[in-house]
Amino acid sequence: MNSFAMIFGHCVWIPPSPKAALVALNLFFGIGTTTQPDITAAEAIIAAQYVARGETQVEAQKEVASLNACFGTYEVPPENRNHPKDADLTRLQNTQTPNRK
């Protein structure tokens, strides 16, 4: 039984292999996957790991789609957003909040 799991957004994902876990982590954070061909290649590696574990190609593609759905449930905290408008709002909120000690 695999005792390793990863949390992406609101989901817990049990990778089919350590290689798939590493690829998924890189995919989630965008490490080395900046273009659509990079993303497609990473998804193919993850799917291949499911197939190597004994699942069909269709089942593997469903698992990859499910993983992508998990990625989509992640909510970036406002203070970590790169959008300048969001950063300005966060800075404004921080200056308007009185410091209480």
Protein backbone atom coordinates (compact mmCIF):
# COMPACT_ATOMS: atom_id res chain seq x y z
CA MET A 1 0.00 0.00 0.00
CA ASN A 2 1.29 3.45 -0.95
CA SER A 3 1.58 5.72 2.07
CA PHE A 4 2.61 8.85 0.16
CA ALA A 5 0.08 11.54 -0.71
CA MET A 6 0.22 15.12 -1.93
CA ILE A 7 -2.25 17.93 -1.36
CA PHE A 8 -3.08 20.14 -4.32
CA GLY A 9 -5.79 22.70 -3.68
CA HIS A 10 -8.72 20.96 -2.03
CA CYS A 11 -7.62 17.47 -3.10
CA VAL A 12 -5.39 14.74 -1.79
CA TRP A 13 -3.59 12.93 -4.61
CA ILE A 14 -1.81 9.61 -4.27
CA PRO A 15 0.78 9.48 -7.04
CA PRO A 16 1.36 6.20 -8.85
CA SER A 17 5.15 6.54 -8.42
CA PRO A 18 7.82 8.85 -7.04
CA LYS A 19 8.58 9.96 -10.60
CA ALA A 20 4.95 10.99 -11.12
CA ALA A 21 5.02 12.85 -7.79
CA LEU A 22 8.06 14.86 -8.85
CA VAL A 23 6.62 15.64 -12.27
CA ALA A 24 3.28 16.69 -10.74
CA LEU A 25 5.04 18.94 -8.25
CA ASN A 26 6.99 20.59 -11.06
CA LEU A 27 3.83 20.91 -13.12
CA PHE A 28 1.89 22.48 -10.24
CA PHE A 29 4.58 25.07 -9.54
CA GLY A 30 5.38 25.64 -13.22
CA ILE A 31 8.96 24.47 -12.92
CA GLY A 32 10.21 23.68 -16.42
CA THR A 33 6.65 23.69 -17.77
CA THR A 34 6.08 27.12 -19.27
CA THR A 35 4.66 26.16 -22.66
CA GLN A 36 1.85 23.89 -23.71
CA PRO A 37 4.25 21.26 -25.15
CA ASP A 38 6.02 21.16 -21.75
CA ILE A 39 2.71 20.69 -19.96
CA THR A 40 1.60 18.01 -22.40
CA ALA A 41 4.90 16.15 -21.95
CA ALA A 42 4.59 16.28 -18.15
CA GLU A 43 1.02 14.98 -18.32
CA ALA A 44 2.18 12.17 -20.63
CA ILE A 45 4.86 11.16 -18.10
CA ILE A 46 2.29 11.04 -15.30
CA ALA A 47 -0.12 9.03 -17.48
CA ALA A 48 2.70 6.62 -18.41
CA GLN A 49 3.33 6.01 -14.71
CA TYR A 50 -0.32 5.04 -14.24
CA VAL A 51 -0.07 2.69 -17.24
CA ALA A 52 3.12 1.17 -15.82
CA ARG A 53 1.17 0.52 -12.62
CA GLY A 54 -1.36 -1.49 -14.62
CA GLU A 55 -4.10 0.95 -15.55
CA THR A 56 -5.37 1.43 -19.10
CA GLN A 57 -4.51 4.52 -21.12
CA VAL A 58 -8.10 5.78 -20.72
CA GLU A 59 -7.94 5.33 -16.93
CA ALA A 60 -4.57 7.10 -16.88
CA GLN A 61 -5.97 10.05 -18.84
CA LYS A 62 -8.88 10.28 -16.37
CA GLU A 63 -6.40 10.36 -13.49
CA VAL A 64 -4.44 13.16 -15.16
CA ALA A 65 -7.66 15.10 -15.77
CA SER A 66 -8.58 14.63 -12.12
CA LEU A 67 -5.14 15.89 -11.08
CA ASN A 68 -5.60 18.96 -13.28
CA ALA A 69 -8.96 19.58 -11.62
CA CYS A 70 -7.20 19.44 -8.25
CA PHE A 71 -4.67 22.00 -9.43
CA GLY A 72 -7.58 24.26 -10.33
CA THR A 73 -8.99 24.21 -6.80
CA TYR A 74 -5.91 25.90 -5.35
CA GLU A 75 -6.67 29.42 -4.14
CA VAL A 76 -3.71 31.78 -4.07
CA PRO A 77 -3.70 33.86 -0.88
CA PRO A 78 -4.13 37.58 -1.70
CA GLU A 79 -0.75 38.49 -0.24
CA ASN A 80 0.96 36.03 -2.63
CA ARG A 81 -0.65 37.24 -5.83
CA ASN A 82 1.54 38.91 -8.42
CA HIS A 83 -1.18 41.09 -9.88
CA PRO A 84 -0.31 44.74 -9.07
CA LYS A 85 -3.92 45.66 -8.30
CA ASP A 86 -4.18 42.81 -5.76
CA ALA A 87 -0.86 43.84 -4.20
CA ASP A 88 -2.08 47.44 -3.89
CA LEU A 89 -5.28 46.29 -2.20
CA THR A 90 -3.37 44.11 0.25
CA ARG A 91 -0.97 46.95 1.06
CA LEU A 92 -3.93 49.32 1.56
CA GLN A 93 -5.69 46.83 3.84
CA ASN A 94 -2.54 46.35 5.90
CA THR A 95 -2.13 50.11 6.43
CA GLN A 96 -5.76 50.57 7.43
CA THR A 97 -5.70 47.79 10.04
CA PRO A 98 -4.76 49.21 13.45
CA ASN A 99 -1.94 47.46 15.26
CA ARG A 100 -3.21 46.04 18.52
CA LYS A 101 -0.88 44.60 21.08
